[in-house]
Amino acid sequence: MRLHDDIHNFYEKIVLEEIIKRKLDGQYNEDVMADFCCTVLNQLPPRYIRYDVDMAFYLPQAERTHMEERVQTAIDVAISQISKKKKHHDQPT
């Protein structure tokens, strides 16, 4: 058995919107972006839905704003972790 193809975590959409807004996909390669997205999403609670349109109609604006703020914070943390990791790898051995 597997879940229906339409079921997904609504936070993924908000994370993607913020990545595009910040143009982060142009700063990191695909491998780093995959790890980055996992790091961000692992900081957020899952919010599974079937149709995005349902969230547009039934999600109160205050809750949407709170979700966006959580995403921004999670992205800031992930950027910090990537910077620390890069500094560590760039140091001479």
PDB file of N, CA and C in Angstrom:
ATOM      1  N   MET A   1       0.825  -1.177   0.000  1.00  0.00           N
ATOM      2  CA  MET A   1       0.000   0.000   0.000  1.00  0.00           C
ATOM      3  C   MET A   1       0.876   1.250   0.000  1.00  0.00           C
ATOM      4  N   ARG A   2       0.410   2.280  -0.652  1.00  0.00           N
ATOM      5  CA  ARG A   2       1.125   3.552  -0.614  1.00  0.00           C
ATOM      6  C   ARG A   2       0.107   4.684  -0.548  1.00  0.00           C
ATOM      7  N   LEU A   3       0.582   5.820  -0.110  1.00  0.00           N
ATOM      8  CA  LEU A   3      -0.299   6.984  -0.019  1.00  0.00           C
ATOM      9  C   LEU A   3      -0.671   7.479  -1.405  1.00  0.00           C
ATOM     10  N   HIS A   4      -1.736   8.169  -1.478  1.00  0.00           N
ATOM     11  CA  HIS A   4      -2.201   8.750  -2.731  1.00  0.00           C
ATOM     12  C   HIS A   4      -1.172   9.762  -3.253  1.00  0.00           C
ATOM     13  N   ASP A   5      -1.017   9.848  -4.568  1.00  0.00           N
ATOM     14  CA  ASP A   5      -0.034  10.744  -5.185  1.00  0.00           C
ATOM     15  C   ASP A   5      -0.268  12.218  -4.867  1.00  0.00           C
ATOM     16  N   ASP A   6      -1.508  12.602  -4.585  1.00  0.00           N
ATOM     17  CA  ASP A   6      -1.826  14.006  -4.325  1.00  0.00           C
ATOM     18  C   ASP A   6      -1.474  14.454  -2.910  1.00  0.00           C
ATOM     19  N   ILE A   7      -1.247  13.536  -2.006  1.00  0.00           N
ATOM     20  CA  ILE A   7      -0.972  13.894  -0.616  1.00  0.00           C
ATOM     21  C   ILE A   7       0.453  14.444  -0.507  1.00  0.00           C
ATOM     22  N   HIS A   8       0.556  15.623   0.096  1.00  0.00           N
ATOM     23  CA  HIS A   8       1.876  16.227   0.293  1.00  0.00           C
ATOM     24  C   HIS A   8       1.865  17.159   1.503  1.00  0.00           C
ATOM     25  N   ASN A   9       3.037  17.532   1.926  1.00  0.00           N
ATOM     26  CA  ASN A   9       3.216  18.423   3.065  1.00  0.00           C
ATOM     27  C   ASN A   9       3.105  19.868   2.565  1.00  0.00           C
ATOM     28  N   PHE A  10       2.146  20.611   3.066  1.00  0.00           N
ATOM     29  CA  PHE A  10       1.930  21.991   2.613  1.00  0.00           C
ATOM     30  C   PHE A  10       3.145  22.869   2.876  1.00  0.00           C
ATOM     31  N   TYR A  11       3.927  22.550   3.890  1.00  0.00           N
ATOM     32  CA  TYR A  11       5.135  23.330   4.166  1.00  0.00           C
ATOM     33  C   TYR A  11       6.115  23.299   2.994  1.00  0.00           C
ATOM     34  N   GLU A  12       6.098  22.222   2.205  1.00  0.00           N
ATOM     35  CA  GLU A  12       6.996  22.147   1.052  1.00  0.00           C
ATOM     36  C   GLU A  12       6.749  23.319   0.100  1.00  0.00           C
ATOM     37  N   LYS A  13       5.493  23.656  -0.119  1.00  0.00           N
ATOM     38  CA  LYS A  13       5.139  24.764  -1.006  1.00  0.00           C
ATOM     39  C   LYS A  13       5.646  26.089  -0.447  1.00  0.00           C
ATOM     40  N   ILE A  14       5.467  26.311   0.848  1.00  0.00           N
ATOM     41  CA  ILE A  14       5.912  27.564   1.461  1.00  0.00           C
ATOM     42  C   ILE A  14       7.438  27.652   1.434  1.00  0.00           C
ATOM     43  N   VAL A  15       8.108  26.546   1.696  1.00  0.00           N
ATOM     44  CA  VAL A  15       9.578  26.521   1.649  1.00  0.00           C
ATOM     45  C   VAL A  15      10.055  26.855   0.236  1.00  0.00           C
ATOM     46  N   LEU A  16       9.467  26.242  -0.755  1.00  0.00           N
ATOM     47  CA  LEU A  16       9.857  26.507  -2.143  1.00  0.00           C
ATOM     48  C   LEU A  16       9.638  27.979  -2.505  1.00  0.00           C
ATOM     49  N   GLU A  17       8.521  28.534  -2.097  1.00  0.00           N
ATOM     50  CA  GLU A  17       8.254  29.957  -2.359  1.00  0.00           C
ATOM     51  C   GLU A  17       9.335  30.841  -1.748  1.00  0.00           C
ATOM     52  N   GLU A  18       9.749  30.527  -0.523  1.00  0.00           N
ATOM     53  CA  GLU A  18      10.762  31.338   0.161  1.00  0.00           C
ATOM     54  C   GLU A  18      12.141  31.142  -0.473  1.00  0.00           C
ATOM     55  N   ILE A  19      12.455  29.930  -0.912  1.00  0.00           N
ATOM     56  CA  ILE A  19      13.734  29.675  -1.596  1.00  0.00           C
ATOM     57  C   ILE A  19      13.806  30.505  -2.873  1.00  0.00           C
ATOM     58  N   ILE A  20      12.724  30.524  -3.623  1.00  0.00           N
ATOM     59  CA  ILE A  20      12.679  31.315  -4.865  1.00  0.00           C
ATOM     60  C   ILE A  20      12.767  32.799  -4.553  1.00  0.00           C
ATOM     61  N   LYS A  21      12.032  33.235  -3.549  1.00  0.00           N
ATOM     62  CA  LYS A  21      12.043  34.652  -3.149  1.00  0.00           C
ATOM     63  C   LYS A  21      13.456  35.108  -2.784  1.00  0.00           C
ATOM     64  N   ARG A  22      14.181  34.256  -2.070  1.00  0.00           N
ATOM     65  CA  ARG A  22      15.549  34.601  -1.644  1.00  0.00           C
ATOM     66  C   ARG A  22      16.606  34.251  -2.690  1.00  0.00           C
ATOM     67  N   LYS A  23      16.192  33.610  -3.765  1.00  0.00           N
ATOM     68  CA  LYS A  23      17.092  33.190  -4.845  1.00  0.00           C
ATOM     69  C   LYS A  23      18.202  32.266  -4.344  1.00  0.00           C
ATOM     70  N   LEU A  24      17.849  31.407  -3.409  1.00  0.00           N
ATOM     71  CA  LEU A  24      18.828  30.484  -2.836  1.00  0.00           C
ATOM     72  C   LEU A  24      19.205  29.370  -3.796  1.00  0.00           C
ATOM     73  N   ASP A  25      18.287  29.014  -4.691  1.00  0.00           N
ATOM     74  CA  ASP A  25      18.573  27.938  -5.641  1.00  0.00           C
ATOM     75  C   ASP A  25      19.693  28.315  -6.603  1.00  0.00           C
ATOM     76  N   GLY A  26      19.978  29.598  -6.746  1.00  0.00           N
ATOM     77  CA  GLY A  26      21.084  30.042  -7.581  1.00  0.00           C
ATOM     78  C   GLY A  26      22.406  30.118  -6.828  1.00  0.00           C
ATOM     79  N   GLN A  27      22.343  30.006  -5.511  1.00  0.00           N
ATOM     80  CA  GLN A  27      23.547  30.120  -4.686  1.00  0.00           C
ATOM     81  C   GLN A  27      24.200  28.775  -4.386  1.00  0.00           C
ATOM     82  N   TYR A  28      23.404  27.719  -4.441  1.00  0.00           N
ATOM     83  CA  TYR A  28      23.899  26.398  -4.065  1.00  0.00           C
ATOM     84  C   TYR A  28      23.632  25.395  -5.182  1.00  0.00           C
ATOM     85  N   ASN A  29      24.473  24.371  -5.268  1.00  0.00           N
ATOM     86  CA  ASN A  29      24.239  23.331  -6.277  1.00  0.00           C
ATOM     87  C   ASN A  29      23.100  22.425  -5.837  1.00  0.00           C
ATOM     88  N   GLU A  30      22.677  21.526  -6.726  1.00  0.00           N
ATOM     89  CA  GLU A  30      21.522  20.664  -6.454  1.00  0.00           C
ATOM     90  C   GLU A  30      21.727  19.776  -5.233  1.00  0.00           C
ATOM     91  N   ASP A  31      22.930  19.280  -5.050  1.00  0.00           N
ATOM     92  CA  ASP A  31      23.211  18.403  -3.921  1.00  0.00           C
ATOM     93  C   ASP A  31      23.051  19.152  -2.601  1.00  0.00           C
ATOM     94  N   VAL A  32      23.600  20.349  -2.542  1.00  0.00           N
ATOM     95  CA  VAL A  32      23.487  21.169  -1.342  1.00  0.00           C
ATOM     96  C   VAL A  32      22.026  21.566  -1.117  1.00  0.00           C
ATOM     97  N   MET A  33      21.309  21.902  -2.190  1.00  0.00           N
ATOM     98  CA  MET A  33      19.906  22.294  -2.063  1.00  0.00           C
ATOM     99  C   MET A  33      19.053  21.141  -1.530  1.00  0.00           C
ATOM    100  N   ALA A  34      19.345  19.921  -1.927  1.00  0.00           N
ATOM    101  CA  ALA A  34      18.587  18.768  -1.423  1.00  0.00           C
ATOM    102  C   ALA A  34      18.781  18.636   0.092  1.00  0.00           C
ATOM    103  N   ASP A  35      20.041  18.724   0.540  1.00  0.00           N
ATOM    104  CA  ASP A  35      20.319  18.667   1.979  1.00  0.00           C
ATOM    105  C   ASP A  35      19.700  19.864   2.698  1.00  0.00           C
ATOM    106  N   PHE A  36      19.787  21.023   2.068  1.00  0.00           N
ATOM    107  CA  PHE A  36      19.231  22.254   2.623  1.00  0.00           C
ATOM    108  C   PHE A  36      17.724  22.099   2.858  1.00  0.00           C
ATOM    109  N   CYS A  37      17.008  21.610   1.863  1.00  0.00           N
ATOM    110  CA  CYS A  37      15.557  21.439   1.971  1.00  0.00           C
ATOM    111  C   CYS A  37      15.198  20.444   3.074  1.00  0.00           C
ATOM    112  N   CYS A  38      15.949  19.366   3.172  1.00  0.00           N
ATOM    113  CA  CYS A  38      15.710  18.405   4.250  1.00  0.00           C
ATOM    114  C   CYS A  38      15.920  19.062   5.612  1.00  0.00           C
ATOM    115  N   THR A  39      16.971  19.841   5.736  1.00  0.00           N
ATOM    116  CA  THR A  39      17.264  20.536   6.993  1.00  0.00           C
ATOM    117  C   THR A  39      16.133  21.483   7.365  1.00  0.00           C
ATOM    118  N   VAL A  40      15.645  22.228   6.382  1.00  0.00           N
ATOM    119  CA  VAL A  40      14.550  23.164   6.636  1.00  0.00           C
ATOM    120  C   VAL A  40      13.288  22.408   7.033  1.00  0.00           C
ATOM    121  N   LEU A  41      12.883  21.446   6.228  1.00  0.00           N
ATOM    122  CA  LEU A  41      11.622  20.742   6.476  1.00  0.00           C
ATOM    123  C   LEU A  41      11.643  19.934   7.770  1.00  0.00           C
ATOM    124  N   ASN A  42      12.800  19.438   8.174  1.00  0.00           N
ATOM    125  CA  ASN A  42      12.886  18.682   9.427  1.00  0.00           C
ATOM    126  C   ASN A  42      12.680  19.565  10.655  1.00  0.00           C
ATOM    127  N   GLN A  43      12.788  20.865  10.495  1.00  0.00           N
ATOM    128  CA  GLN A  43      12.543  21.796  11.602  1.00  0.00           C
ATOM    129  C   GLN A  43      11.062  22.165  11.735  1.00  0.00           C
ATOM    130  N   LEU A  44      10.260  21.789  10.749  1.00  0.00           N
ATOM    131  CA  LEU A  44       8.859  22.208  10.682  1.00  0.00           C
ATOM    132  C   LEU A  44       7.922  21.036  10.937  1.00  0.00           C
ATOM    133  N   PRO A  45       6.768  21.320  11.530  1.00  0.00           N
ATOM    134  CA  PRO A  45       5.798  20.229  11.723  1.00  0.00           C
ATOM    135  C   PRO A  45       5.154  19.878  10.384  1.00  0.00           C
ATOM    136  N   PRO A  46       4.863  18.617  10.155  1.00  0.00           N
ATOM    137  CA  PRO A  46       4.197  18.265   8.896  1.00  0.00           C
ATOM    138  C   PRO A  46       2.767  18.799   8.874  1.00  0.00           C
ATOM    139  N   ARG A  47       2.340  19.197   7.714  1.00  0.00           N
ATOM    140  CA  ARG A  47       0.958  19.660   7.516  1.00  0.00           C
ATOM    141  C   ARG A  47       0.479  19.059   6.205  1.00  0.00           C
ATOM    142  N   TYR A  48       0.019  17.823   6.275  1.00  0.00           N
ATOM    143  CA  TYR A  48      -0.337  17.087   5.071  1.00  0.00           C
ATOM    144  C   TYR A  48      -1.713  17.494   4.558  1.00  0.00           C
ATOM    145  N   ILE A  49      -1.766  17.665   3.253  1.00  0.00           N
ATOM    146  CA  ILE A  49      -3.006  18.030   2.583  1.00  0.00           C
ATOM    147  C   ILE A  49      -3.094  17.260   1.279  1.00  0.00           C
ATOM    148  N   ARG A  50      -4.248  17.333   0.678  1.00  0.00           N
ATOM    149  CA  ARG A  50      -4.414  16.720  -0.631  1.00  0.00           C
ATOM    150  C   ARG A  50      -4.417  17.782  -1.733  1.00  0.00           C
ATOM    151  N   TYR A  51      -5.121  18.867  -1.500  1.00  0.00           N
ATOM    152  CA  TYR A  51      -5.219  19.923  -2.508  1.00  0.00           C
ATOM    153  C   TYR A  51      -4.801  21.267  -1.917  1.00  0.00           C
ATOM    154  N   ASP A  52      -3.898  21.957  -2.598  1.00  0.00           N
ATOM    155  CA  ASP A  52      -3.456  23.275  -2.142  1.00  0.00           C
ATOM    156  C   ASP A  52      -4.618  24.253  -2.042  1.00  0.00           C
ATOM    157  N   VAL A  53      -5.568  24.130  -2.935  1.00  0.00           N
ATOM    158  CA  VAL A  53      -6.704  25.052  -2.946  1.00  0.00           C
ATOM    159  C   VAL A  53      -7.482  24.984  -1.634  1.00  0.00           C
ATOM    160  N   ASP A  54      -7.525  23.818  -0.989  1.00  0.00           N
ATOM    161  CA  ASP A  54      -8.198  23.710   0.304  1.00  0.00           C
ATOM    162  C   ASP A  54      -7.548  24.617   1.343  1.00  0.00           C
ATOM    163  N   MET A  55      -6.242  24.672   1.329  1.00  0.00           N
ATOM    164  CA  MET A  55      -5.534  25.525   2.276  1.00  0.00           C
ATOM    165  C   MET A  55      -5.802  26.999   1.977  1.00  0.00           C
ATOM    166  N   ALA A  56      -5.915  27.344   0.717  1.00  0.00           N
ATOM    167  CA  ALA A  56      -6.172  28.730   0.343  1.00  0.00           C
ATOM    168  C   ALA A  56      -7.509  29.210   0.896  1.00  0.00           C
ATOM    169  N   PHE A  57      -8.497  28.330   0.926  1.00  0.00           N
ATOM    170  CA  PHE A  57      -9.838  28.722   1.385  1.00  0.00           C
ATOM    171  C   PHE A  57     -10.043  28.556   2.886  1.00  0.00           C
ATOM    172  N   TYR A  58      -9.408  27.562   3.492  1.00  0.00           N
ATOM    173  CA  TYR A  58      -9.728  27.231   4.878  1.00  0.00           C
ATOM    174  C   TYR A  58      -8.658  27.609   5.899  1.00  0.00           C
ATOM    175  N   LEU A  59      -7.497  28.035   5.447  1.00  0.00           N
ATOM    176  CA  LEU A  59      -6.431  28.401   6.376  1.00  0.00           C
ATOM    177  C   LEU A  59      -6.577  29.874   6.758  1.00  0.00           C
ATOM    178  N   PRO A  60      -6.762  30.169   8.043  1.00  0.00           N
ATOM    179  CA  PRO A  60      -6.860  31.572   8.459  1.00  0.00           C
ATOM    180  C   PRO A  60      -5.556  32.318   8.152  1.00  0.00           C
ATOM    181  N   GLN A  61      -5.670  33.583   7.800  1.00  0.00           N
ATOM    182  CA  GLN A  61      -4.495  34.378   7.427  1.00  0.00           C
ATOM    183  C   GLN A  61      -3.452  34.405   8.548  1.00  0.00           C
ATOM    184  N   ALA A  62      -3.899  34.483   9.781  1.00  0.00           N
ATOM    185  CA  ALA A  62      -2.951  34.510  10.904  1.00  0.00           C
ATOM    186  C   ALA A  62      -2.131  33.227  10.963  1.00  0.00           C
ATOM    187  N   GLU A  63      -2.762  32.095  10.689  1.00  0.00           N
ATOM    188  CA  GLU A  63      -2.036  30.819  10.693  1.00  0.00           C
ATOM    189  C   GLU A  63      -1.068  30.742   9.517  1.00  0.00           C
ATOM    190  N   ARG A  64      -1.494  31.224   8.355  1.00  0.00           N
ATOM    191  CA  ARG A  64      -0.603  31.247   7.179  1.00  0.00           C
ATOM    192  C   ARG A  64       0.620  32.110   7.476  1.00  0.00           C
ATOM    193  N   THR A  65       0.399  33.263   8.092  1.00  0.00           N
ATOM    194  CA  THR A  65       1.508  34.158   8.448  1.00  0.00           C
ATOM    195  C   THR A  65       2.457  33.462   9.421  1.00  0.00           C
ATOM    196  N   HIS A  66       1.899  32.762  10.402  1.00  0.00           N
ATOM    197  CA  HIS A  66       2.724  32.033  11.364  1.00  0.00           C
ATOM    198  C   HIS A  66       3.550  30.948  10.667  1.00  0.00           C
ATOM    199  N   MET A  67       2.937  30.239   9.738  1.00  0.00           N
ATOM    200  CA  MET A  67       3.649  29.203   8.987  1.00  0.00           C
ATOM    201  C   MET A  67       4.793  29.817   8.181  1.00  0.00           C
ATOM    202  N   GLU A  68       4.548  30.941   7.543  1.00  0.00           N
ATOM    203  CA  GLU A  68       5.586  31.617   6.759  1.00  0.00           C
ATOM    204  C   GLU A  68       6.733  32.078   7.652  1.00  0.00           C
ATOM    205  N   GLU A  69       6.425  32.568   8.838  1.00  0.00           N
ATOM    206  CA  GLU A  69       7.466  32.983   9.782  1.00  0.00           C
ATOM    207  C   GLU A  69       8.307  31.797  10.230  1.00  0.00           C
ATOM    208  N   ARG A  70       7.657  30.663  10.479  1.00  0.00           N
ATOM    209  CA  ARG A  70       8.389  29.455  10.866  1.00  0.00           C
ATOM    210  C   ARG A  70       9.333  29.013   9.750  1.00  0.00           C
ATOM    211  N   VAL A  71       8.872  29.115   8.506  1.00  0.00           N
ATOM    212  CA  VAL A  71       9.699  28.742   7.356  1.00  0.00           C
ATOM    213  C   VAL A  71      10.903  29.677   7.270  1.00  0.00           C
ATOM    214  N   GLN A  72      10.689  30.966   7.429  1.00  0.00           N
ATOM    215  CA  GLN A  72      11.788  31.924   7.363  1.00  0.00           C
ATOM    216  C   GLN A  72      12.846  31.627   8.422  1.00  0.00           C
ATOM    217  N   THR A  73      12.403  31.312   9.625  1.00  0.00           N
ATOM    218  CA  THR A  73      13.338  30.971  10.700  1.00  0.00           C
ATOM    219  C   THR A  73      14.093  29.677  10.381  1.00  0.00           C
ATOM    220  N   ALA A  74      13.388  28.677   9.899  1.00  0.00           N
ATOM    221  CA  ALA A  74      14.025  27.396   9.557  1.00  0.00           C
ATOM    222  C   ALA A  74      15.049  27.582   8.441  1.00  0.00           C
ATOM    223  N   ILE A  75      14.738  28.426   7.465  1.00  0.00           N
ATOM    224  CA  ILE A  75      15.689  28.697   6.377  1.00  0.00           C
ATOM    225  C   ILE A  75      16.911  29.430   6.913  1.00  0.00           C
ATOM    226  N   ASP A  76      16.718  30.381   7.805  1.00  0.00           N
ATOM    227  CA  ASP A  76      17.854  31.094   8.394  1.00  0.00           C
ATOM    228  C   ASP A  76      18.774  30.135   9.139  1.00  0.00           C
ATOM    229  N   VAL A  77      18.191  29.193   9.861  1.00  0.00           N
ATOM    230  CA  VAL A  77      18.985  28.196  10.588  1.00  0.00           C
ATOM    231  C   VAL A  77      19.759  27.326   9.598  1.00  0.00           C
ATOM    232  N   ALA A  78      19.114  26.888   8.539  1.00  0.00           N
ATOM    233  CA  ALA A  78      19.771  26.035   7.537  1.00  0.00           C
ATOM    234  C   ALA A  78      20.915  26.787   6.845  1.00  0.00           C
ATOM    235  N   ILE A  79      20.700  28.052   6.537  1.00  0.00           N
ATOM    236  CA  ILE A  79      21.762  28.861   5.919  1.00  0.00           C
ATOM    237  C   ILE A  79      22.954  28.950   6.861  1.00  0.00           C
ATOM    238  N   SER A  80      22.686  29.156   8.133  1.00  0.00           N
ATOM    239  CA  SER A  80      23.754  29.223   9.130  1.00  0.00           C
ATOM    240  C   SER A  80      24.528  27.913   9.201  1.00  0.00           C
ATOM    241  N   GLN A  81      23.807  26.796   9.157  1.00  0.00           N
ATOM    242  CA  GLN A  81      24.467  25.491   9.206  1.00  0.00           C
ATOM    243  C   GLN A  81      25.321  25.257   7.972  1.00  0.00           C
ATOM    244  N   ILE A  82      24.833  25.660   6.816  1.00  0.00           N
ATOM    245  CA  ILE A  82      25.606  25.507   5.586  1.00  0.00           C
ATOM    246  C   ILE A  82      26.867  26.363   5.644  1.00  0.00           C
ATOM    247  N   SER A  83      26.740  27.578   6.160  1.00  0.00           N
ATOM    248  CA  SER A  83      27.899  28.471   6.272  1.00  0.00           C
ATOM    249  C   SER A  83      28.960  27.886   7.192  1.00  0.00           C
ATOM    250  N   LYS A  84      28.522  27.336   8.324  1.00  0.00           N
ATOM    251  CA  LYS A  84      29.466  26.718   9.258  1.00  0.00           C
ATOM    252  C   LYS A  84      30.161  25.527   8.619  1.00  0.00           C
ATOM    253  N   LYS A  85      29.392  24.698   7.917  1.00  0.00           N
ATOM    254  CA  LYS A  85      29.955  23.515   7.265  1.00  0.00           C
ATOM    255  C   LYS A  85      30.956  23.921   6.179  1.00  0.00           C
ATOM    256  N   LYS A  86      30.616  24.978   5.411  1.00  0.00           N
ATOM    257  CA  LYS A  86      31.497  25.449   4.358  1.00  0.00           C
ATOM    258  C   LYS A  86      32.799  25.981   4.959  1.00  0.00           C
ATOM    259  N   LYS A  87      32.710  26.745   6.033  1.00  0.00           N
ATOM    260  CA  LYS A  87      33.917  27.274   6.693  1.00  0.00           C
ATOM    261  C   LYS A  87      34.798  26.138   7.175  1.00  0.00           C
ATOM    262  N   HIS A  88      34.180  25.095   7.719  1.00  0.00           N
ATOM    263  CA  HIS A  88      34.929  23.950   8.223  1.00  0.00           C
ATOM    264  C   HIS A  88      35.665  23.252   7.087  1.00  0.00           C
ATOM    265  N   HIS A  89      34.991  23.076   5.932  1.00  0.00           N
ATOM    266  CA  HIS A  89      35.611  22.407   4.794  1.00  0.00           C
ATOM    267  C   HIS A  89      36.662  23.269   4.104  1.00  0.00           C
ATOM    268  N   ASP A  90      36.528  24.581   4.206  1.00  0.00           N
ATOM    269  CA  ASP A  90      37.469  25.499   3.548  1.00  0.00           C
ATOM    270  C   ASP A  90      38.752  25.712   4.331  1.00  0.00           C
ATOM    271  N   GLN A  91      38.762  25.330   5.612  1.00  0.00           N
ATOM    272  CA  GLN A  91      39.956  25.517   6.429  1.00  0.00           C
ATOM    273  C   GLN A  91      41.032  24.519   6.009  1.00  0.00           C
ATOM    274  N   PRO A  92      42.280  24.995   5.939  1.00  0.00           N
ATOM    275  CA  PRO A  92      43.384  24.086   5.579  1.00  0.00           C
ATOM    276  C   PRO A  92      43.590  23.029   6.653  1.00  0.00           C
ATOM    277  N   THR A  93      43.989  21.864   6.219  1.00  0.00           N
ATOM    278  CA  THR A  93      44.241  20.765   7.172  1.00  0.00           C
ATOM    279  C   THR A  93      45.706  20.552   7.393  1.00  0.00           C
TER     280      THR A  93
END
